[in-house]
Amino acid sequence: MFFNGGEHYVPDIIRWFKSVSTNRYIHGVNEQGWTRFNKTLWQRNYYEHIIRNQQAFENIRLYIRDNPKRWNNGCDEDIDGLPASIHMGTETTTKQ
């Protein structure tokens, strides 16, 4: 499904993961009584980053850890990507 000459491309893997997980979620809602989520399950875009150093890794780790806490505060300013502070020491390679 996401093989191109034996290589794995990140956009294909992400597309596959979103498709499979969305279909399993829909099945869970329809067949197992899971709570329906009336918004979009996945954001449209994502960003690939090359992590160049320990500080960049730490910034991204903290963003992943702390971002859900901000959801309850109605903060969606980072929904389409990482905040500028995360980019320190990283290089954005692709926006899909």
Protein backbone atom coordinates (compact mmCIF):
# COMPACT_ATOMS: atom_id res chain seq x y z
CA MET A 1 0.00 0.00 0.00
CA PHE A 2 2.75 2.48 0.81
CA PHE A 3 5.65 0.78 -0.91
CA ASN A 4 7.45 2.47 -3.76
CA GLY A 5 10.26 0.32 -5.06
CA GLY A 6 10.84 -1.10 -1.59
CA GLU A 7 11.08 2.34 0.02
CA HIS A 8 8.72 3.74 2.64
CA TYR A 9 7.72 7.38 2.17
CA VAL A 10 6.50 9.27 5.22
CA PRO A 11 3.45 10.86 3.50
CA ASP A 12 2.27 7.42 2.36
CA ILE A 13 2.73 5.94 5.83
CA ILE A 14 0.87 8.83 7.48
CA ARG A 15 -1.98 8.56 4.94
CA TRP A 16 -2.20 4.80 5.58
CA PHE A 17 -2.16 5.24 9.37
CA LYS A 18 -4.88 7.91 9.28
CA SER A 19 -7.04 5.77 7.00
CA VAL A 20 -6.71 2.58 9.05
CA SER A 21 -7.21 4.29 12.41
CA THR A 22 -10.20 6.29 11.14
CA ASN A 23 -11.84 3.16 9.77
CA ARG A 24 -11.27 1.33 13.05
CA TYR A 25 -12.72 4.27 14.95
CA ILE A 26 -15.83 4.33 12.74
CA HIS A 27 -16.22 0.60 13.29
CA GLY A 28 -15.90 1.13 17.06
CA VAL A 29 -18.59 3.83 17.00
CA ASN A 30 -20.97 1.76 14.87
CA GLU A 31 -20.36 -1.69 16.34
CA GLN A 32 -19.05 -1.22 19.87
CA GLY A 33 -20.81 1.88 21.12
CA TRP A 34 -17.77 4.16 21.24
CA THR A 35 -18.52 7.83 21.78
CA ARG A 36 -18.90 9.72 18.52
CA PHE A 37 -16.45 12.58 17.98
CA ASN A 38 -18.22 15.30 16.00
CA LYS A 39 -15.10 17.05 14.77
CA THR A 40 -12.28 16.14 12.43
CA LEU A 41 -10.21 13.26 13.78
CA TRP A 42 -7.01 14.30 12.05
CA GLN A 43 -5.51 17.67 11.24
CA ARG A 44 -4.97 18.20 7.55
CA ASN A 45 -1.26 18.97 7.58
CA TYR A 46 1.73 17.71 9.45
CA TYR A 47 5.36 18.72 9.54
CA GLU A 48 8.47 16.60 9.27
CA HIS A 49 11.51 17.78 11.16
CA ILE A 50 15.11 16.74 11.27
CA ILE A 51 16.10 16.82 14.91
CA ARG A 52 19.60 18.23 14.90
CA ASN A 53 20.49 18.33 18.59
CA GLN A 54 19.42 17.47 22.11
CA GLN A 55 17.78 20.88 22.69
CA ALA A 56 15.58 20.45 19.61
CA PHE A 57 14.61 16.98 20.80
CA GLU A 58 13.73 18.32 24.24
CA ASN A 59 11.61 21.15 22.77
CA ILE A 60 9.61 18.71 20.65
CA ARG A 61 9.23 16.26 23.53
CA LEU A 62 7.85 18.99 25.78
CA TYR A 63 5.49 20.18 23.04
CA ILE A 64 4.09 16.66 22.61
CA ARG A 65 3.75 16.22 26.36
CA ASP A 66 2.18 19.62 27.11
CA ASN A 67 0.04 20.32 24.04
CA PRO A 68 -3.01 18.26 25.18
CA LYS A 69 -3.12 20.31 28.40
CA ARG A 70 -3.74 23.44 26.31
CA TRP A 71 -6.69 21.88 24.45
CA ASN A 72 -8.95 22.31 27.47
CA ASN A 73 -8.05 26.00 27.59
CA GLY A 74 -9.43 26.52 24.07
CA CYS A 75 -5.94 27.17 22.71
CA ASP A 76 -5.78 26.00 19.12
CA GLU A 77 -3.09 28.35 17.84
CA ASP A 78 -0.73 25.43 17.20
CA ILE A 79 -3.25 23.15 15.49
CA ASP A 80 -1.66 23.43 12.05
CA GLY A 81 1.92 23.06 13.18
CA LEU A 82 4.52 23.49 15.80
CA PRO A 83 5.06 26.85 17.49
CA ALA A 84 8.18 28.83 16.59
CA SER A 85 9.97 27.75 19.79
CA ILE A 86 9.91 24.15 18.60
CA HIS A 87 11.78 25.01 15.41
CA MET A 88 14.92 25.99 17.28
CA GLY A 89 17.58 23.54 16.18
CA THR A 90 15.33 21.79 13.70
CA GLU A 91 14.85 21.99 10.00
CA THR A 92 11.42 21.77 8.42
CA THR A 93 11.76 19.46 5.46
CA THR A 94 8.24 18.90 4.19
CA LYS A 95 4.73 20.15 4.78
CA GLN A 96 2.08 17.72 3.59
